[in-house]
């Protein structure tokens, strides 16, 4: 990662937030499709509550974190805010890349993410 002192104003904070979201995405994908299990035959969807739970788990894993915790207040925009950045592909969790998993934002029925395999 680039030294934060070399980044334009606001970009250092963006990288910290993105790295927190990488961990949350990993938590979500591990819950929906655990490593070592067969490829699901049906599409996998993530709900608002599952995003909130994963964010809260991620924050609980880092009790001594000195920066602001990742907010769980707007789960519907969680993936949108991640994928609209030019760093989306490079920030996608390595474990998901290795398993050829990606995701798309969806709407309705409390679903906010569709896991694509």
PDB file of N, CA and C in Angstrom:
ATOM      1  N   UNK A   1       0.850  -1.172   0.000  1.00  0.00           N
ATOM      2  CA  UNK A   1       0.000   0.000   0.000  1.00  0.00           C
ATOM      3  C   UNK A   1       0.895   1.234   0.000  1.00  0.00           C
ATOM      4  N   UNK A   2       0.400   2.280  -0.556  1.00  0.00           N
ATOM      5  CA  UNK A   2       1.118   3.540  -0.634  1.00  0.00           C
ATOM      6  C   UNK A   2       1.252   4.169   0.743  1.00  0.00           C
ATOM      7  N   UNK A   3       2.368   4.852   0.962  1.00  0.00           N
ATOM      8  CA  UNK A   3       2.555   5.593   2.214  1.00  0.00           C
ATOM      9  C   UNK A   3       1.488   6.681   2.272  1.00  0.00           C
ATOM     10  N   UNK A   4       0.742   6.726   3.371  1.00  0.00           N
ATOM     11  CA  UNK A   4      -0.371   7.675   3.495  1.00  0.00           C
ATOM     12  C   UNK A   4       0.083   9.125   3.414  1.00  0.00           C
ATOM     13  N   UNK A   5       1.337   9.411   3.718  1.00  0.00           N
ATOM     14  CA  UNK A   5       1.816  10.794   3.644  1.00  0.00           C
ATOM     15  C   UNK A   5       1.937  11.265   2.205  1.00  0.00           C
ATOM     16  N   UNK A   6       1.924  10.336   1.234  1.00  0.00           N
ATOM     17  CA  UNK A   6       2.058  10.691  -0.179  1.00  0.00           C
ATOM     18  C   UNK A   6       0.709  10.838  -0.875  1.00  0.00           C
ATOM     19  N   UNK A   7      -0.361  10.560  -0.176  1.00  0.00           N
ATOM     20  CA  UNK A   7      -1.681  10.560  -0.801  1.00  0.00           C
ATOM     21  C   UNK A   7      -2.327  11.943  -0.765  1.00  0.00           C
ATOM     22  N   UNK A   8      -3.173  12.235  -1.771  1.00  0.00           N
ATOM     23  CA  UNK A   8      -3.933  13.482  -1.744  1.00  0.00           C
ATOM     24  C   UNK A   8      -4.859  13.516  -0.534  1.00  0.00           C
ATOM     25  N   UNK A   9      -5.257  14.708  -0.154  1.00  0.00           N
ATOM     26  CA  UNK A   9      -6.138  14.885   0.998  1.00  0.00           C
ATOM     27  C   UNK A   9      -7.392  14.024   0.842  1.00  0.00           C
ATOM     28  N   UNK A  10      -7.753  13.309   1.880  1.00  0.00           N
ATOM     29  CA  UNK A  10      -8.935  12.459   1.865  1.00  0.00           C
ATOM     30  C   UNK A  10      -8.681  11.032   1.399  1.00  0.00           C
ATOM     31  N   UNK A  11      -7.628  10.807   0.636  1.00  0.00           N
ATOM     32  CA  UNK A  11      -7.368   9.467   0.120  1.00  0.00           C
ATOM     33  C   UNK A  11      -6.879   8.504   1.198  1.00  0.00           C
ATOM     34  N   UNK A  12      -6.133   8.987   2.180  1.00  0.00           N
ATOM     35  CA  UNK A  12      -5.658   8.109   3.257  1.00  0.00           C
ATOM     36  C   UNK A  12      -6.846   7.551   4.025  1.00  0.00           C
ATOM     37  N   UNK A  13      -7.825   8.378   4.328  1.00  0.00           N
ATOM     38  CA  UNK A  13      -9.019   7.909   5.031  1.00  0.00           C
ATOM     39  C   UNK A  13      -9.785   6.918   4.162  1.00  0.00           C
ATOM     40  N   UNK A  14      -9.865   7.189   2.878  1.00  0.00           N
ATOM     41  CA  UNK A  14     -10.538   6.282   1.950  1.00  0.00           C
ATOM     42  C   UNK A  14      -9.892   4.897   2.002  1.00  0.00           C
ATOM     43  N   UNK A  15      -8.570   4.826   1.998  1.00  0.00           N
ATOM     44  CA  UNK A  15      -7.881   3.538   2.037  1.00  0.00           C
ATOM     45  C   UNK A  15      -8.142   2.808   3.344  1.00  0.00           C
ATOM     46  N   UNK A  16      -8.191   3.517   4.464  1.00  0.00           N
ATOM     47  CA  UNK A  16      -8.494   2.868   5.749  1.00  0.00           C
ATOM     48  C   UNK A  16      -9.901   2.282   5.732  1.00  0.00           C
ATOM     49  N   UNK A  17     -10.869   3.036   5.211  1.00  0.00           N
ATOM     50  CA  UNK A  17     -12.250   2.547   5.156  1.00  0.00           C
ATOM     51  C   UNK A  17     -12.334   1.347   4.227  1.00  0.00           C
ATOM     52  N   UNK A  18     -11.696   1.417   3.064  1.00  0.00           N
ATOM     53  CA  UNK A  18     -11.723   0.302   2.131  1.00  0.00           C
ATOM     54  C   UNK A  18     -11.142  -0.952   2.775  1.00  0.00           C
ATOM     55  N   UNK A  19     -10.028  -0.818   3.499  1.00  0.00           N
ATOM     56  CA  UNK A  19      -9.415  -2.003   4.086  1.00  0.00           C
ATOM     57  C   UNK A  19     -10.335  -2.614   5.146  1.00  0.00           C
ATOM     58  N   UNK A  20     -11.110  -1.815   5.844  1.00  0.00           N
ATOM     59  CA  UNK A  20     -12.082  -2.342   6.803  1.00  0.00           C
ATOM     60  C   UNK A  20     -13.187  -3.088   6.066  1.00  0.00           C
ATOM     61  N   UNK A  21     -13.622  -2.560   4.958  1.00  0.00           N
ATOM     62  CA  UNK A  21     -14.679  -3.204   4.185  1.00  0.00           C
ATOM     63  C   UNK A  21     -14.203  -4.513   3.571  1.00  0.00           C
ATOM     64  N   UNK A  22     -12.932  -4.615   3.232  1.00  0.00           N
ATOM     65  CA  UNK A  22     -12.387  -5.860   2.687  1.00  0.00           C
ATOM     66  C   UNK A  22     -12.610  -6.987   3.689  1.00  0.00           C
ATOM     67  N   UNK A  23     -12.349  -6.712   4.949  1.00  0.00           N
ATOM     68  CA  UNK A  23     -12.537  -7.718   5.993  1.00  0.00           C
ATOM     69  C   UNK A  23     -14.018  -8.085   6.136  1.00  0.00           C
ATOM     70  N   UNK A  24     -14.894  -7.109   6.055  1.00  0.00           N
ATOM     71  CA  UNK A  24     -16.333  -7.370   6.161  1.00  0.00           C
ATOM     72  C   UNK A  24     -16.795  -8.234   4.987  1.00  0.00           C
ATOM     73  N   UNK A  25     -16.348  -7.923   3.801  1.00  0.00           N
ATOM     74  CA  UNK A  25     -16.716  -8.722   2.625  1.00  0.00           C
ATOM     75  C   UNK A  25     -16.237 -10.159   2.809  1.00  0.00           C
ATOM     76  N   UNK A  26     -15.042 -10.326   3.322  1.00  0.00           N
ATOM     77  CA  UNK A  26     -14.537 -11.670   3.604  1.00  0.00           C
ATOM     78  C   UNK A  26     -15.414 -12.414   4.596  1.00  0.00           C
ATOM     79  N   UNK A  27     -15.846 -11.736   5.648  1.00  0.00           N
ATOM     80  CA  UNK A  27     -16.742 -12.345   6.645  1.00  0.00           C
ATOM     81  C   UNK A  27     -18.054 -12.774   5.976  1.00  0.00           C
ATOM     82  N   UNK A  28     -18.627 -11.896   5.181  1.00  0.00           N
ATOM     83  CA  UNK A  28     -19.891 -12.208   4.504  1.00  0.00           C
ATOM     84  C   UNK A  28     -19.751 -13.408   3.576  1.00  0.00           C
ATOM     85  N   UNK A  29     -18.702 -13.411   2.774  1.00  0.00           N
ATOM     86  CA  UNK A  29     -18.522 -14.504   1.821  1.00  0.00           C
ATOM     87  C   UNK A  29     -18.252 -15.818   2.534  1.00  0.00           C
ATOM     88  N   UNK A  30     -17.474 -15.789   3.613  1.00  0.00           N
ATOM     89  CA  UNK A  30     -17.211 -17.013   4.377  1.00  0.00           C
ATOM     90  C   UNK A  30     -18.493 -17.560   4.995  1.00  0.00           C
ATOM     91  N   UNK A  31     -19.383 -16.684   5.409  1.00  0.00           N
ATOM     92  CA  UNK A  31     -20.652 -17.129   5.992  1.00  0.00           C
ATOM     93  C   UNK A  31     -21.589 -17.701   4.933  1.00  0.00           C
ATOM     94  N   UNK A  32     -21.634 -17.064   3.771  1.00  0.00           N
ATOM     95  CA  UNK A  32     -22.552 -17.496   2.727  1.00  0.00           C
ATOM     96  C   UNK A  32     -22.058 -18.736   1.993  1.00  0.00           C
ATOM     97  N   UNK A  33     -20.750 -18.851   1.817  1.00  0.00           N
ATOM     98  CA  UNK A  33     -20.183 -19.973   1.085  1.00  0.00           C
ATOM     99  C   UNK A  33     -18.865 -20.352   1.750  1.00  0.00           C
ATOM    100  N   UNK A  34     -18.924 -21.119   2.833  1.00  0.00           N
ATOM    101  CA  UNK A  34     -17.701 -21.475   3.563  1.00  0.00           C
ATOM    102  C   UNK A  34     -16.697 -22.225   2.678  1.00  0.00           C
ATOM    103  N   UNK A  35     -15.431 -21.964   2.882  1.00  0.00           N
ATOM    104  CA  UNK A  35     -14.370 -22.642   2.129  1.00  0.00           C
ATOM    105  C   UNK A  35     -14.507 -24.148   2.297  1.00  0.00           C
ATOM    106  N   UNK A  36     -14.275 -24.866   1.219  1.00  0.00           N
ATOM    107  CA  UNK A  36     -14.343 -26.316   1.267  1.00  0.00           C
ATOM    108  C   UNK A  36     -15.717 -26.899   1.025  1.00  0.00           C
ATOM    109  N   UNK A  37     -16.723 -26.052   0.895  1.00  0.00           N
ATOM    110  CA  UNK A  37     -18.068 -26.557   0.616  1.00  0.00           C
ATOM    111  C   UNK A  37     -18.319 -26.507  -0.886  1.00  0.00           C
ATOM    112  N   UNK A  38     -19.204 -27.364  -1.385  1.00  0.00           N
ATOM    113  CA  UNK A  38     -19.485 -27.373  -2.829  1.00  0.00           C
ATOM    114  C   UNK A  38     -20.073 -26.044  -3.303  1.00  0.00           C
ATOM    115  N   UNK A  39     -19.908 -25.798  -4.582  1.00  0.00           N
ATOM    116  CA  UNK A  39     -20.495 -24.602  -5.199  1.00  0.00           C
ATOM    117  C   UNK A  39     -22.010 -24.650  -5.037  1.00  0.00           C
ATOM    118  N   UNK A  40     -22.621 -23.581  -4.543  1.00  0.00           N
ATOM    119  CA  UNK A  40     -24.080 -23.576  -4.364  1.00  0.00           C
ATOM    120  C   UNK A  40     -24.809 -23.677  -5.709  1.00  0.00           C
ATOM    121  N   UNK A  41     -25.932 -24.351  -5.703  1.00  0.00           N
ATOM    122  CA  UNK A  41     -26.703 -24.473  -6.937  1.00  0.00           C
ATOM    123  C   UNK A  41     -27.646 -23.287  -7.132  1.00  0.00           C
ATOM    124  N   UNK A  42     -27.962 -22.591  -6.056  1.00  0.00           N
ATOM    125  CA  UNK A  42     -28.838 -21.423  -6.102  1.00  0.00           C
ATOM    126  C   UNK A  42     -28.019 -20.155  -5.875  1.00  0.00           C
ATOM    127  N   UNK A  43     -28.474 -19.016  -6.398  1.00  0.00           N
ATOM    128  CA  UNK A  43     -27.780 -17.755  -6.111  1.00  0.00           C
ATOM    129  C   UNK A  43     -27.768 -17.480  -4.602  1.00  0.00           C
ATOM    130  N   UNK A  44     -26.725 -16.857  -4.134  1.00  0.00           N
ATOM    131  CA  UNK A  44     -26.593 -16.495  -2.728  1.00  0.00           C
ATOM    132  C   UNK A  44     -26.857 -15.008  -2.575  1.00  0.00           C
ATOM    133  N   UNK A  45     -27.703 -14.657  -1.630  1.00  0.00           N
ATOM    134  CA  UNK A  45     -28.016 -13.264  -1.382  1.00  0.00           C
ATOM    135  C   UNK A  45     -27.641 -12.911   0.049  1.00  0.00           C
ATOM    136  N   UNK A  46     -27.268 -11.646   0.247  1.00  0.00           N
ATOM    137  CA  UNK A  46     -26.921 -11.125   1.563  1.00  0.00           C
ATOM    138  C   UNK A  46     -27.952 -10.062   1.918  1.00  0.00           C
ATOM    139  N   UNK A  47     -28.479 -10.147   3.127  1.00  0.00           N
ATOM    140  CA  UNK A  47     -29.500  -9.203   3.574  1.00  0.00           C
ATOM    141  C   UNK A  47     -28.868  -8.004   4.286  1.00  0.00           C
ATOM    142  N   UNK A  48     -29.703  -6.988   4.486  1.00  0.00           N
ATOM    143  CA  UNK A  48     -29.269  -5.825   5.276  1.00  0.00           C
ATOM    144  C   UNK A  48     -28.723  -6.266   6.631  1.00  0.00           C
ATOM    145  N   UNK A  49     -29.460  -7.142   7.311  1.00  0.00           N
ATOM    146  CA  UNK A  49     -29.059  -7.570   8.659  1.00  0.00           C
ATOM    147  C   UNK A  49     -27.739  -8.331   8.632  1.00  0.00           C
ATOM    148  N   UNK A  50     -27.516  -9.123   7.606  1.00  0.00           N
ATOM    149  CA  UNK A  50     -26.247  -9.859   7.510  1.00  0.00           C
ATOM    150  C   UNK A  50     -25.066  -8.899   7.336  1.00  0.00           C
ATOM    151  N   UNK A  51     -25.266  -7.829   6.581  1.00  0.00           N
ATOM    152  CA  UNK A  51     -24.215  -6.813   6.434  1.00  0.00           C
ATOM    153  C   UNK A  51     -23.954  -6.153   7.785  1.00  0.00           C
ATOM    154  N   UNK A  52     -25.011  -5.786   8.485  1.00  0.00           N
ATOM    155  CA  UNK A  52     -24.864  -5.165   9.810  1.00  0.00           C
ATOM    156  C   UNK A  52     -24.108  -6.105  10.745  1.00  0.00           C
ATOM    157  N   UNK A  53     -24.510  -7.372  10.771  1.00  0.00           N
ATOM    158  CA  UNK A  53     -23.852  -8.349  11.651  1.00  0.00           C
ATOM    159  C   UNK A  53     -22.370  -8.509  11.315  1.00  0.00           C
ATOM    160  N   UNK A  54     -22.038  -8.544  10.027  1.00  0.00           N
ATOM    161  CA  UNK A  54     -20.639  -8.698   9.618  1.00  0.00           C
ATOM    162  C   UNK A  54     -19.811  -7.466   9.987  1.00  0.00           C
ATOM    163  N   UNK A  55     -20.383  -6.280   9.826  1.00  0.00           N
ATOM    164  CA  UNK A  55     -19.686  -5.052  10.218  1.00  0.00           C
ATOM    165  C   UNK A  55     -19.442  -5.054  11.721  1.00  0.00           C
ATOM    166  N   UNK A  56     -20.450  -5.438  12.486  1.00  0.00           N
ATOM    167  CA  UNK A  56     -20.298  -5.469  13.939  1.00  0.00           C
ATOM    168  C   UNK A  56     -19.262  -6.516  14.357  1.00  0.00           C
ATOM    169  N   UNK A  57     -19.240  -7.663  13.673  1.00  0.00           N
ATOM    170  CA  UNK A  57     -18.213  -8.666  13.974  1.00  0.00           C
ATOM    171  C   UNK A  57     -16.825  -8.119  13.669  1.00  0.00           C
ATOM    172  N   UNK A  58     -16.695  -7.463  12.522  1.00  0.00           N
ATOM    173  CA  UNK A  58     -15.402  -6.887  12.146  1.00  0.00           C
ATOM    174  C   UNK A  58     -14.946  -5.876  13.192  1.00  0.00           C
ATOM    175  N   UNK A  59     -15.832  -5.011  13.624  1.00  0.00           N
ATOM    176  CA  UNK A  59     -15.473  -4.013  14.627  1.00  0.00           C
ATOM    177  C   UNK A  59     -15.114  -4.667  15.956  1.00  0.00           C
ATOM    178  N   UNK A  60     -15.826  -5.743  16.320  1.00  0.00           N
ATOM    179  CA  UNK A  60     -15.541  -6.445  17.581  1.00  0.00           C
ATOM    180  C   UNK A  60     -14.174  -7.127  17.546  1.00  0.00           C
ATOM    181  N   UNK A  61     -13.713  -7.497  16.365  1.00  0.00           N
ATOM    182  CA  UNK A  61     -12.394  -8.128  16.223  1.00  0.00           C
ATOM    183  C   UNK A  61     -11.255  -7.141  16.478  1.00  0.00           C
ATOM    184  N   UNK A  62     -11.564  -5.844  16.474  1.00  0.00           N
ATOM    185  CA  UNK A  62     -10.545  -4.796  16.598  1.00  0.00           C
ATOM    186  C   UNK A  62     -10.915  -3.832  17.733  1.00  0.00           C
ATOM    187  N   UNK A  63     -10.988  -4.318  18.972  1.00  0.00           N
ATOM    188  CA  UNK A  63     -11.438  -3.463  20.077  1.00  0.00           C
ATOM    189  C   UNK A  63     -10.482  -2.312  20.394  1.00  0.00           C
ATOM    190  N   UNK A  64      -9.226  -2.453  20.045  1.00  0.00           N
ATOM    191  CA  UNK A  64      -8.240  -1.417  20.360  1.00  0.00           C
ATOM    192  C   UNK A  64      -7.964  -0.490  19.176  1.00  0.00           C
ATOM    193  N   UNK A  65      -8.773  -0.567  18.157  1.00  0.00           N
ATOM    194  CA  UNK A  65      -8.593   0.266  16.965  1.00  0.00           C
ATOM    195  C   UNK A  65      -8.669   1.747  17.341  1.00  0.00           C
ATOM    196  N   UNK A  66      -7.727   2.520  16.841  1.00  0.00           N
ATOM    197  CA  UNK A  66      -7.682   3.939  17.200  1.00  0.00           C
ATOM    198  C   UNK A  66      -8.467   4.815  16.220  1.00  0.00           C
ATOM    199  N   UNK A  67      -8.755   4.300  15.039  1.00  0.00           N
ATOM    200  CA  UNK A  67      -9.552   5.068  14.083  1.00  0.00           C
ATOM    201  C   UNK A  67     -11.026   4.776  14.299  1.00  0.00           C
ATOM    202  N   UNK A  68     -11.870   5.556  13.669  1.00  0.00           N
ATOM    203  CA  UNK A  68     -13.318   5.407  13.784  1.00  0.00           C
ATOM    204  C   UNK A  68     -13.744   4.019  13.302  1.00  0.00           C
ATOM    205  N   UNK A  69     -14.648   3.392  14.041  1.00  0.00           N
ATOM    206  CA  UNK A  69     -15.175   2.081  13.658  1.00  0.00           C
ATOM    207  C   UNK A  69     -15.978   2.209  12.359  1.00  0.00           C
ATOM    208  N   UNK A  70     -16.063   1.129  11.633  1.00  0.00           N
ATOM    209  CA  UNK A  70     -16.859   1.097  10.414  1.00  0.00           C
ATOM    210  C   UNK A  70     -18.334   1.166  10.792  1.00  0.00           C
ATOM    211  N   UNK A  71     -19.067   2.059  10.183  1.00  0.00           N
ATOM    212  CA  UNK A  71     -20.474   2.264  10.519  1.00  0.00           C
ATOM    213  C   UNK A  71     -21.346   1.174   9.895  1.00  0.00           C
ATOM    214  N   UNK A  72     -22.347   0.753  10.632  1.00  0.00           N
ATOM    215  CA  UNK A  72     -23.310  -0.232  10.137  1.00  0.00           C
ATOM    216  C   UNK A  72     -24.670   0.420   9.855  1.00  0.00           C
ATOM    217  N   UNK A  73     -24.714   1.733   9.831  1.00  0.00           N
ATOM    218  CA  UNK A  73     -25.986   2.446   9.718  1.00  0.00           C
ATOM    219  C   UNK A  73     -26.618   2.428   8.322  1.00  0.00           C
ATOM    220  N   UNK A  74     -25.861   2.145   7.285  1.00  0.00           N
ATOM    221  CA  UNK A  74     -26.433   2.165   5.936  1.00  0.00           C
ATOM    222  C   UNK A  74     -26.000   0.921   5.160  1.00  0.00           C
ATOM    223  N   UNK A  75     -26.484  -0.246   5.553  1.00  0.00           N
ATOM    224  CA  UNK A  75     -26.037  -1.480   4.906  1.00  0.00           C
ATOM    225  C   UNK A  75     -26.415  -1.573   3.428  1.00  0.00           C
ATOM    226  N   UNK A  76     -27.474  -0.897   3.034  1.00  0.00           N
ATOM    227  CA  UNK A  76     -27.890  -0.950   1.630  1.00  0.00           C
ATOM    228  C   UNK A  76     -26.835  -0.344   0.704  1.00  0.00           C
ATOM    229  N   UNK A  77     -26.063   0.588   1.206  1.00  0.00           N
ATOM    230  CA  UNK A  77     -25.032   1.233   0.386  1.00  0.00           C
ATOM    231  C   UNK A  77     -23.636   0.667   0.616  1.00  0.00           C
ATOM    232  N   UNK A  78     -23.508  -0.340   1.457  1.00  0.00           N
ATOM    233  CA  UNK A  78     -22.194  -0.873   1.797  1.00  0.00           C
ATOM    234  C   UNK A  78     -21.405  -1.293   0.552  1.00  0.00           C
ATOM    235  N   UNK A  79     -21.977  -2.142  -0.279  1.00  0.00           N
ATOM    236  CA  UNK A  79     -21.253  -2.622  -1.456  1.00  0.00           C
ATOM    237  C   UNK A  79     -21.130  -1.536  -2.513  1.00  0.00           C
ATOM    238  N   UNK A  80     -22.186  -0.744  -2.680  1.00  0.00           N
ATOM    239  CA  UNK A  80     -22.150   0.333  -3.682  1.00  0.00           C
ATOM    240  C   UNK A  80     -20.966   1.255  -3.435  1.00  0.00           C
ATOM    241  N   UNK A  81     -20.785   1.631  -2.184  1.00  0.00           N
ATOM    242  CA  UNK A  81     -19.679   2.529  -1.858  1.00  0.00           C
ATOM    243  C   UNK A  81     -18.324   1.880  -2.090  1.00  0.00           C
ATOM    244  N   UNK A  82     -18.267   0.574  -2.034  1.00  0.00           N
ATOM    245  CA  UNK A  82     -17.016  -0.157  -2.275  1.00  0.00           C
ATOM    246  C   UNK A  82     -16.754  -0.316  -3.771  1.00  0.00           C
ATOM    247  N   UNK A  83     -17.759  -0.750  -4.526  1.00  0.00           N
ATOM    248  CA  UNK A  83     -17.516  -1.087  -5.933  1.00  0.00           C
ATOM    249  C   UNK A  83     -17.436   0.114  -6.863  1.00  0.00           C
ATOM    250  N   UNK A  84     -17.912   1.269  -6.438  1.00  0.00           N
ATOM    251  CA  UNK A  84     -17.843   2.431  -7.327  1.00  0.00           C
ATOM    252  C   UNK A  84     -16.455   3.067  -7.355  1.00  0.00           C
ATOM    253  N   UNK A  85     -15.556   2.629  -6.481  1.00  0.00           N
ATOM    254  CA  UNK A  85     -14.203   3.183  -6.430  1.00  0.00           C
ATOM    255  C   UNK A  85     -13.307   2.475  -7.448  1.00  0.00           C
ATOM    256  N   UNK A  86     -12.346   3.183  -8.022  1.00  0.00           N
ATOM    257  CA  UNK A  86     -11.459   2.554  -9.008  1.00  0.00           C
ATOM    258  C   UNK A  86     -10.574   1.455  -8.411  1.00  0.00           C
ATOM    259  N   UNK A  87     -10.492   1.375  -7.103  1.00  0.00           N
ATOM    260  CA  UNK A  87      -9.657   0.369  -6.453  1.00  0.00           C
ATOM    261  C   UNK A  87     -10.431  -0.908  -6.122  1.00  0.00           C
ATOM    262  N   UNK A  88     -11.665  -1.005  -6.565  1.00  0.00           N
ATOM    263  CA  UNK A  88     -12.522  -2.134  -6.199  1.00  0.00           C
ATOM    264  C   UNK A  88     -11.866  -3.480  -6.504  1.00  0.00           C
ATOM    265  N   UNK A  89     -11.420  -3.699  -7.721  1.00  0.00           N
ATOM    266  CA  UNK A  89     -10.849  -4.995  -8.083  1.00  0.00           C
ATOM    267  C   UNK A  89      -9.586  -5.304  -7.299  1.00  0.00           C
ATOM    268  N   UNK A  90      -8.738  -4.321  -7.119  1.00  0.00           N
ATOM    269  CA  UNK A  90      -7.502  -4.573  -6.379  1.00  0.00           C
ATOM    270  C   UNK A  90      -7.756  -4.762  -4.891  1.00  0.00           C
ATOM    271  N   UNK A  91      -8.876  -4.250  -4.370  1.00  0.00           N
ATOM    272  CA  UNK A  91      -9.214  -4.398  -2.958  1.00  0.00           C
ATOM    273  C   UNK A  91     -10.112  -5.584  -2.660  1.00  0.00           C
ATOM    274  N   UNK A  92     -10.561  -6.300  -3.677  1.00  0.00           N
ATOM    275  CA  UNK A  92     -11.426  -7.454  -3.437  1.00  0.00           C
ATOM    276  C   UNK A  92     -10.638  -8.487  -2.630  1.00  0.00           C
ATOM    277  N   UNK A  93     -11.254  -9.125  -1.638  1.00  0.00           N
ATOM    278  CA  UNK A  93     -10.513 -10.066  -0.782  1.00  0.00           C
ATOM    279  C   UNK A  93      -9.821 -11.168  -1.596  1.00  0.00           C
ATOM    280  N   UNK A  94      -8.577 -11.442  -1.268  1.00  0.00           N
ATOM    281  CA  UNK A  94      -7.785 -12.446  -1.985  1.00  0.00           C
ATOM    282  C   UNK A  94      -8.445 -13.824  -1.934  1.00  0.00           C
ATOM    283  N   UNK A  95      -9.069 -14.149  -0.806  1.00  0.00           N
ATOM    284  CA  UNK A  95      -9.719 -15.459  -0.690  1.00  0.00           C
ATOM    285  C   UNK A  95     -10.887 -15.567  -1.668  1.00  0.00           C
ATOM    286  N   UNK A  96     -11.602 -14.470  -1.877  1.00  0.00           N
ATOM    287  CA  UNK A  96     -12.713 -14.471  -2.828  1.00  0.00           C
ATOM    288  C   UNK A  96     -12.192 -14.549  -4.262  1.00  0.00           C
ATOM    289  N   UNK A  97     -11.099 -13.843  -4.544  1.00  0.00           N
ATOM    290  CA  UNK A  97     -10.498 -13.917  -5.885  1.00  0.00           C
ATOM    291  C   UNK A  97     -10.064 -15.339  -6.188  1.00  0.00           C
ATOM    292  N   UNK A  98      -9.434 -15.984  -5.225  1.00  0.00           N
ATOM    293  CA  UNK A  98      -8.935 -17.338  -5.427  1.00  0.00           C
ATOM    294  C   UNK A  98     -10.076 -18.310  -5.728  1.00  0.00           C
ATOM    295  N   UNK A  99     -11.244 -18.055  -5.159  1.00  0.00           N
ATOM    296  CA  UNK A  99     -12.405 -18.926  -5.377  1.00  0.00           C
ATOM    297  C   UNK A  99     -13.299 -18.419  -6.507  1.00  0.00           C
ATOM    298  N   UNK A 100     -12.854 -17.355  -7.170  1.00  0.00           N
ATOM    299  CA  UNK A 100     -13.570 -16.763  -8.304  1.00  0.00           C
ATOM    300  C   UNK A 100     -14.977 -16.320  -7.901  1.00  0.00           C
ATOM    301  N   UNK A 101     -15.047 -15.625  -6.751  1.00  0.00           N
ATOM    302  CA  UNK A 101     -16.304 -15.098  -6.244  1.00  0.00           C
ATOM    303  C   UNK A 101     -16.306 -13.586  -6.405  1.00  0.00           C
ATOM    304  N   UNK A 102     -17.393 -13.063  -6.892  1.00  0.00           N
ATOM    305  CA  UNK A 102     -17.586 -11.622  -6.957  1.00  0.00           C
ATOM    306  C   UNK A 102     -18.987 -11.327  -6.420  1.00  0.00           C
ATOM    307  N   UNK A 103     -19.391 -10.086  -6.487  1.00  0.00           N
ATOM    308  CA  UNK A 103     -20.706  -9.720  -5.962  1.00  0.00           C
ATOM    309  C   UNK A 103     -21.272  -8.543  -6.742  1.00  0.00           C
ATOM    310  N   UNK A 104     -22.575  -8.409  -6.634  1.00  0.00           N
ATOM    311  CA  UNK A 104     -23.292  -7.318  -7.293  1.00  0.00           C
ATOM    312  C   UNK A 104     -24.305  -6.769  -6.302  1.00  0.00           C
ATOM    313  N   UNK A 105     -24.530  -5.464  -6.368  1.00  0.00           N
ATOM    314  CA  UNK A 105     -25.549  -4.864  -5.512  1.00  0.00           C
ATOM    315  C   UNK A 105     -26.916  -5.199  -6.091  1.00  0.00           C
ATOM    316  N   UNK A 106     -27.840  -5.582  -5.210  1.00  0.00           N
ATOM    317  CA  UNK A 106     -29.215  -5.855  -5.608  1.00  0.00           C
ATOM    318  C   UNK A 106     -30.153  -5.109  -4.664  1.00  0.00           C
ATOM    319  N   UNK A 107     -31.431  -5.069  -5.031  1.00  0.00           N
ATOM    320  CA  UNK A 107     -32.416  -4.337  -4.254  1.00  0.00           C
ATOM    321  C   UNK A 107     -33.643  -5.200  -4.042  1.00  0.00           C
ATOM    322  N   UNK A 108     -34.317  -5.005  -2.932  1.00  0.00           N
ATOM    323  CA  UNK A 108     -35.600  -5.639  -2.681  1.00  0.00           C
ATOM    324  C   UNK A 108     -35.529  -6.824  -1.748  1.00  0.00           C
ATOM    325  N   UNK A 109     -36.636  -7.059  -1.037  1.00  0.00           N
ATOM    326  CA  UNK A 109     -36.770  -8.177  -0.110  1.00  0.00           C
ATOM    327  C   UNK A 109     -35.654  -8.188   0.927  1.00  0.00           C
ATOM    328  N   UNK A 110     -35.204  -7.019   1.347  1.00  0.00           N
ATOM    329  CA  UNK A 110     -34.108  -6.850   2.312  1.00  0.00           C
ATOM    330  C   UNK A 110     -32.772  -7.384   1.805  1.00  0.00           C
ATOM    331  N   UNK A 111     -32.700  -7.743   0.544  1.00  0.00           N
ATOM    332  CA  UNK A 111     -31.451  -8.204  -0.046  1.00  0.00           C
ATOM    333  C   UNK A 111     -30.660  -7.006  -0.530  1.00  0.00           C
ATOM    334  N   UNK A 112     -29.356  -7.030  -0.296  1.00  0.00           N
ATOM    335  CA  UNK A 112     -28.535  -5.910  -0.745  1.00  0.00           C
ATOM    336  C   UNK A 112     -27.324  -6.360  -1.574  1.00  0.00           C
ATOM    337  N   UNK A 113     -26.959  -7.633  -1.489  1.00  0.00           N
ATOM    338  CA  UNK A 113     -25.807  -8.141  -2.232  1.00  0.00           C
ATOM    339  C   UNK A 113     -26.165  -9.504  -2.817  1.00  0.00           C
ATOM    340  N   UNK A 114     -25.781  -9.715  -4.063  1.00  0.00           N
ATOM    341  CA  UNK A 114     -25.890 -11.032  -4.686  1.00  0.00           C
ATOM    342  C   UNK A 114     -24.470 -11.543  -4.904  1.00  0.00           C
ATOM    343  N   UNK A 115     -24.178 -12.707  -4.361  1.00  0.00           N
ATOM    344  CA  UNK A 115     -22.860 -13.314  -4.517  1.00  0.00           C
ATOM    345  C   UNK A 115     -22.853 -14.049  -5.850  1.00  0.00           C
ATOM    346  N   UNK A 116     -21.862 -13.752  -6.663  1.00  0.00           N
ATOM    347  CA  UNK A 116     -21.744 -14.340  -8.005  1.00  0.00           C
ATOM    348  C   UNK A 116     -20.582 -15.324  -7.978  1.00  0.00           C
ATOM    349  N   UNK A 117     -20.839 -16.549  -8.395  1.00  0.00           N
ATOM    350  CA  UNK A 117     -19.765 -17.535  -8.453  1.00  0.00           C
ATOM    351  C   UNK A 117     -19.592 -18.050  -9.846  1.00  0.00           C
TER     352      UNK A 117
END
